[in-house]
Amino acid sequence: MMANYDETVDTPPEYESHIGDSRQYMRDIILGVNDGLVSTFLLVSAVVGGGMDATQVLLTAVAGALAGMISMSIGEYLATKSQDEVFDAEIALEKIHLRDHRQHEKDQLTDMLGNMGLEGDDLETVVNIIDSSDEAMLNMHAALEFGVVDAERRSPYAAAVASGLLFLAGALPSVFPFAIWDNTGQALLAAAIFSGIGLFLVGAVKTLQTKKSWLLSGMENLVLGLAAGVLSYFVGKAFDKLIVG
């Protein structure tokens, strides 16, 4: 059943703005911080379980944080740039299609807009209006056929910087305790507390976009991250007992 957006209510809610220009980078923000929090905590948990002292754990954590930051930056840069190149190639081909196969593209647009709810004379009128402009036709096909909207395209450089720096920020709660405490048990506990706070906050902040419960989202992220840390610790213990010892 089609929703009726014309229905009026006695007291309409206050207009709520969309997230805006940061929306397309939300994935990089969440993934960067969360990956730094989880992967670095799992790393230190495993090597503490494996019997390393605080200095060795610190070196391992720093190396893991730097490696993760560089890997995330390069990966996001290449992935985003490759996606942009694919979009550019598709749009270049679409220009040829619009030049040489206009009716086919017009029929495609009719089908796509029909699937969106337009029908009858309204559908024909809208399609004819769009078809009267080459730019409008290209932009409509780019948006509906390929999901390309210029305002939503991501900069490879911004994606790389965001992912890398935020990974490093997420790694810090598991790194600096081992620079403060010589006792690996105390340092690991501090890392678990700080990382747990970070995981909860990331899960809660995510709801700014998803509009879900911040408490449930935060707790889900916290439980999954710490459970993985416990598993990683016992894997390290098993390695120390079965392989080293």
Foldseek 3Di string as FASTA:
>chain_A
DDDDPPDDDPDDDDDDDAPPLCVLLLCLQLCQLLCLLQVLLLQLLLVVLLPDWLVVSLVSLVVVLQVQLQVQLVVLLVVLVVVVVVLVVVLVVVLVCCVPVVVVLLVVQLVQVVVVPDDDPRSVVVSVVQSVDSVSSSQSCSCRVVVDDPSSRDHSNVSSVSNNVSSSVNNVLLNVLSVPDRGSVVSSVSSLVVSLVSQLVSQLVVCVNVVDHSRVRSVVSSVVSVVSSVVSNVNSNCCNVPPVD
